[in-house]
Amino acid sequence: MRIDIVTLFPEIFPGPLGESIIGRAAARKLVRINAVDLRNYTDDARGTVDDKPYGGGPGMLMKVEPLVKAVEDLRKPGSMVILTSPRGERFSQKAARELAKKEHLIMIAGHYEGVDERAIELAVDREYSLGDFVLTSGNLAAMVMADAVVRLLPGVLGSDESSVDESHSSGLLEYPQYTRPPEFRGRMVPEVLLSGDHGRVDAWRQAQSERLTRERRPDLWEHYLKTMEAGSK
């Protein structure tokens, strides 16, 4: 996979994407992540990428011309263009899995007060938001989305099953996990996990995932119940 991140701050990349699992994936050529300087697609000596919004209002908007030029230069058949945006649909594990099937992603890191709508109409396939809050720029959002996508690529994790048992993969939060020692300051590892009975272990993990989801994310729990109900019909 190739991921091009169009940004006003290419110097902050690869940042976290150059370390740990994602960094090793890049070293093994399972993914190629490029920071693309948007100012390279401007026509004036100052590299102007923003201007005041028509109709007035605070702040500046990212200009349409450089954004469209950047996408047209980078796009190839099968590319998907993503804009990080507070008004985008909520990014999710399901979205990450869909994007992981693509060979080429172009991520535009939004900035300022937003983007000229014509750039979105002409060049963007999907807008994504990390949640109901606003960041200083979309660079962190692009990093987070890239991380979530790359770790789902075949061969990136030590075991491809690792991504299946995680929170949100099944619609539930992940169950509690433990490792050695079996006792620490009076707190014991649950006996079922030491039993060697895989059937009991699986049942315990399912029950714990359901409990945590019900307690901490009632929105996910409600959606899970509806999904299960629909699947039983």
Protein backbone atom coordinates (compact mmCIF):
# COMPACT_ATOMS: atom_id res chain seq x y z
CA MET A 1 0.00 0.00 0.00
CA ARG A 2 1.02 3.59 -0.61
CA ILE A 3 -0.26 6.49 1.51
CA ASP A 4 0.36 10.08 0.41
CA ILE A 5 -0.41 12.65 3.10
CA VAL A 6 -0.90 16.14 1.67
CA THR A 7 0.08 18.60 4.38
CA LEU A 8 1.36 22.08 5.14
CA PHE A 9 3.83 20.60 7.62
CA PRO A 10 5.72 17.74 5.92
CA GLU A 11 8.55 18.07 8.42
CA ILE A 12 6.48 16.49 11.21
CA PHE A 13 6.26 13.23 9.29
CA PRO A 14 6.80 10.34 9.63
CA GLY A 15 6.70 11.07 13.38
CA PRO A 16 4.96 8.15 15.13
CA LEU A 17 4.49 6.47 11.76
CA GLY A 18 8.23 5.89 11.60
CA GLU A 19 8.35 3.88 14.83
CA SER A 20 7.23 0.51 16.21
CA ILE A 21 4.90 -1.66 14.13
CA ILE A 22 4.22 0.93 11.40
CA GLY A 23 7.90 1.81 11.08
CA ARG A 24 8.83 -1.85 10.71
CA ALA A 25 6.07 -2.32 8.12
CA ALA A 26 7.56 0.55 6.10
CA ALA A 27 11.07 -0.92 6.44
CA ARG A 28 9.72 -4.23 5.12
CA LYS A 29 8.07 -2.36 2.23
CA LEU A 30 4.58 -3.45 3.23
CA VAL A 31 3.59 0.21 3.10
CA ARG A 32 5.05 3.42 1.75
CA ILE A 33 4.03 6.62 3.53
CA ASN A 34 4.93 9.95 1.90
CA ALA A 35 4.43 13.47 3.22
CA VAL A 36 3.55 15.77 0.30
CA ASP A 37 4.10 19.50 0.76
CA LEU A 38 0.99 21.32 -0.46
CA ARG A 39 3.03 24.47 -1.08
CA ASN A 40 4.74 22.69 -3.97
CA TYR A 41 1.46 23.05 -5.86
CA THR A 42 1.11 26.82 -5.56
CA ASP A 43 1.86 29.33 -8.31
CA ASP A 44 3.22 32.31 -6.39
CA ALA A 45 6.64 32.84 -4.81
CA ARG A 46 5.14 32.92 -1.29
CA GLY A 47 3.50 29.53 -1.68
CA THR A 48 0.06 30.83 -0.73
CA VAL A 49 -2.30 28.04 0.28
CA ASP A 50 -5.00 30.00 2.11
CA ASP A 51 -7.25 33.04 1.70
CA LYS A 52 -10.13 34.84 3.43
CA PRO A 53 -13.60 33.28 3.06
CA TYR A 54 -16.16 34.96 0.83
CA GLY A 55 -19.03 36.36 2.87
CA GLY A 56 -16.78 37.13 5.81
CA GLY A 57 -16.07 35.16 8.94
CA PRO A 58 -13.08 34.33 11.10
CA GLY A 59 -9.91 32.61 9.98
CA MET A 60 -8.72 31.47 6.59
CA LEU A 61 -9.66 28.72 4.16
CA MET A 62 -7.42 26.33 2.25
CA LYS A 63 -7.49 27.37 -1.42
CA VAL A 64 -9.00 25.18 -4.09
CA GLU A 65 -6.23 25.39 -6.73
CA PRO A 66 -3.28 23.80 -4.91
CA LEU A 67 -5.44 21.08 -3.38
CA VAL A 68 -6.91 20.00 -6.69
CA LYS A 69 -3.51 20.17 -8.40
CA ALA A 70 -1.95 18.00 -5.69
CA VAL A 71 -4.65 15.35 -5.94
CA GLU A 72 -4.56 15.32 -9.74
CA ASP A 73 -0.79 14.86 -9.62
CA LEU A 74 -0.93 12.03 -7.08
CA ARG A 75 -4.09 10.20 -8.10
CA LYS A 76 -3.93 7.02 -10.11
CA PRO A 77 -6.60 4.43 -11.02
CA GLY A 78 -8.03 2.99 -7.82
CA SER A 79 -6.82 5.80 -5.53
CA MET A 80 -9.07 7.01 -2.72
CA VAL A 81 -8.84 10.59 -1.48
CA ILE A 82 -9.59 11.27 2.19
CA LEU A 83 -10.00 14.66 3.83
CA THR A 84 -9.65 14.97 7.59
CA SER A 85 -12.54 17.17 8.63
CA PRO A 86 -14.60 17.84 11.80
CA ARG A 87 -17.74 17.49 9.69
CA GLY A 88 -16.74 14.14 8.23
CA GLU A 89 -18.28 10.82 9.15
CA ARG A 90 -16.90 9.20 12.31
CA PHE A 91 -13.79 7.17 11.58
CA SER A 92 -14.18 3.61 12.82
CA GLN A 93 -12.59 0.19 12.72
CA LYS A 94 -14.98 -0.68 9.92
CA ALA A 95 -13.74 2.31 7.93
CA ALA A 96 -10.14 1.32 8.60
CA ARG A 97 -10.83 -2.17 7.26
CA GLU A 98 -12.41 -0.76 4.10
CA LEU A 99 -9.46 1.57 3.50
CA ALA A 100 -6.97 -1.25 4.14
CA LYS A 101 -8.27 -2.92 0.98
CA LYS A 102 -7.09 0.01 -1.16
CA GLU A 103 -3.71 0.07 -2.86
CA HIS A 104 -3.35 3.85 -2.69
CA LEU A 105 -4.71 6.41 -0.24
CA ILE A 106 -4.33 10.18 -0.53
CA MET A 107 -4.99 11.85 2.81
CA ILE A 108 -5.45 15.61 2.90
CA ALA A 109 -4.63 17.03 6.32
CA GLY A 110 -7.12 19.86 6.74
CA HIS A 111 -6.04 23.14 8.31
CA TYR A 112 -7.25 26.65 9.13
CA GLU A 113 -11.02 27.10 9.29
CA GLY A 114 -11.63 24.55 6.57
CA VAL A 115 -11.35 23.87 2.86
CA ASP A 116 -12.88 25.59 -0.16
CA GLU A 117 -15.95 23.46 -0.90
CA ARG A 118 -15.04 23.22 -4.56
CA ALA A 119 -11.87 21.28 -3.66
CA ILE A 120 -14.02 18.76 -1.82
CA GLU A 121 -16.44 18.48 -4.72
CA LEU A 122 -13.69 18.06 -7.31
CA ALA A 123 -11.06 16.01 -5.52
CA VAL A 124 -12.26 14.32 -2.31
CA ASP A 125 -13.92 10.91 -2.09
CA ARG A 126 -14.57 10.74 1.65
CA GLU A 127 -14.39 13.04 4.69
CA TYR A 128 -13.52 11.51 8.05
CA SER A 129 -13.47 12.86 11.60
CA LEU A 130 -11.86 11.23 14.63
CA GLY A 131 -14.64 12.43 16.91
CA ASP A 132 -16.71 15.34 18.15
CA PHE A 133 -13.82 17.69 18.84
CA VAL A 134 -11.60 20.02 16.83
CA LEU A 135 -7.82 19.70 16.38
CA THR A 136 -5.40 22.47 15.46
CA SER A 137 -4.82 20.73 12.14
CA GLY A 138 -5.60 17.45 10.46
CA ASN A 139 -2.05 16.12 10.65
CA LEU A 140 -2.61 14.16 13.85
CA ALA A 141 -5.88 12.82 12.47
CA ALA A 142 -4.11 11.67 9.29
CA MET A 143 -1.44 9.93 11.38
CA VAL A 144 -4.05 8.16 13.49
CA MET A 145 -6.03 7.02 10.46
CA ALA A 146 -2.89 5.83 8.67
CA ASP A 147 -1.84 3.87 11.76
CA ALA A 148 -5.26 2.22 12.06
CA VAL A 149 -5.21 1.24 8.38
CA VAL A 150 -1.63 0.01 8.08
CA ARG A 151 -1.80 -2.34 11.06
CA LEU A 152 -4.61 -4.19 9.26
CA LEU A 153 -2.48 -4.96 6.21
CA PRO A 154 -1.48 -8.64 5.84
CA GLY A 155 1.85 -9.35 7.49
CA VAL A 156 2.07 -6.13 9.51
CA LEU A 157 1.10 -7.62 12.87
CA GLY A 158 2.87 -10.64 14.28
CA SER A 159 -0.37 -12.58 13.85
CA ASP A 160 -3.16 -11.50 11.55
CA GLU A 161 -5.55 -12.84 14.20
CA SER A 162 -4.41 -10.04 16.52
CA SER A 163 -6.55 -7.51 14.69
CA VAL A 164 -9.60 -9.78 14.85
CA ASP A 165 -9.77 -9.99 18.66
CA GLU A 166 -9.33 -6.27 19.31
CA SER A 167 -11.85 -3.77 20.60
CA HIS A 168 -14.40 -2.74 17.95
CA SER A 169 -13.49 -5.55 15.54
CA SER A 170 -16.49 -7.62 16.66
CA GLY A 171 -18.64 -4.65 17.63
CA LEU A 172 -17.68 -5.10 21.30
CA LEU A 173 -14.92 -3.70 23.49
CA GLU A 174 -12.03 -6.05 24.13
CA TYR A 175 -12.10 -8.28 27.21
CA PRO A 176 -9.60 -7.80 30.10
CA GLN A 177 -6.22 -9.45 29.61
CA TYR A 178 -3.54 -10.61 32.06
CA THR A 179 0.03 -11.88 32.01
CA ARG A 180 2.56 -13.06 34.62
CA PRO A 181 2.73 -12.97 37.61
CA PRO A 182 -0.53 -14.71 38.56
CA GLU A 183 -0.76 -12.59 41.74
CA PHE A 184 0.25 -8.97 42.34
CA ARG A 185 -0.50 -7.07 45.54
CA GLY A 186 -3.37 -9.38 46.33
CA ARG A 187 -4.92 -9.13 42.90
CA MET A 188 -5.26 -12.49 41.20
CA VAL A 189 -5.55 -13.45 37.58
CA PRO A 190 -9.08 -14.90 37.08
CA GLU A 191 -8.99 -18.64 37.69
CA VAL A 192 -10.68 -19.43 34.39
CA LEU A 193 -7.68 -18.08 32.46
CA LEU A 194 -5.40 -20.52 34.28
CA SER A 195 -7.69 -23.50 33.74
CA GLY A 196 -6.52 -24.54 30.30
CA ASP A 197 -10.16 -25.02 29.32
CA HIS A 198 -10.42 -23.10 26.05
CA GLY A 199 -14.20 -23.35 25.96
CA ARG A 200 -14.51 -21.73 29.39
CA VAL A 201 -11.92 -19.11 28.47
CA ASP A 202 -13.80 -18.15 25.29
CA ALA A 203 -17.10 -17.93 27.16
CA TRP A 204 -15.53 -15.77 29.89
CA ARG A 205 -13.97 -13.43 27.36
CA GLN A 206 -17.26 -13.04 25.49
CA ALA A 207 -19.12 -12.30 28.72
CA GLN A 208 -16.49 -9.75 29.78
CA SER A 209 -16.59 -8.02 26.39
CA GLU A 210 -20.34 -7.75 26.62
CA ARG A 211 -20.18 -6.43 30.20
CA LEU A 212 -17.58 -3.76 29.41
CA THR A 213 -19.40 -2.64 26.27
CA ARG A 214 -22.72 -2.43 28.11
CA GLU A 215 -21.18 -0.41 30.95
CA ARG A 216 -18.81 1.88 29.06
CA ARG A 217 -20.27 2.25 25.57
CA PRO A 218 -24.05 1.88 25.65
CA ASP A 219 -24.15 3.23 22.09
CA LEU A 220 -22.01 0.32 20.87
CA TRP A 221 -23.99 -2.12 23.00
CA GLU A 222 -27.28 -1.01 21.46
CA HIS A 223 -25.85 -1.33 17.96
CA TYR A 224 -24.44 -4.76 18.80
CA LEU A 225 -27.82 -5.98 20.04
CA LYS A 226 -29.52 -4.73 16.88
CA THR A 227 -26.90 -6.44 14.73
CA MET A 228 -27.32 -9.72 16.60
CA GLU A 229 -31.09 -9.48 16.34
CA ALA A 230 -30.92 -8.83 12.60
CA GLY A 231 -28.52 -11.73 12.14
CA SER A 232 -30.85 -14.15 13.90
CA LYS A 233 -33.74 -13.44 11.54
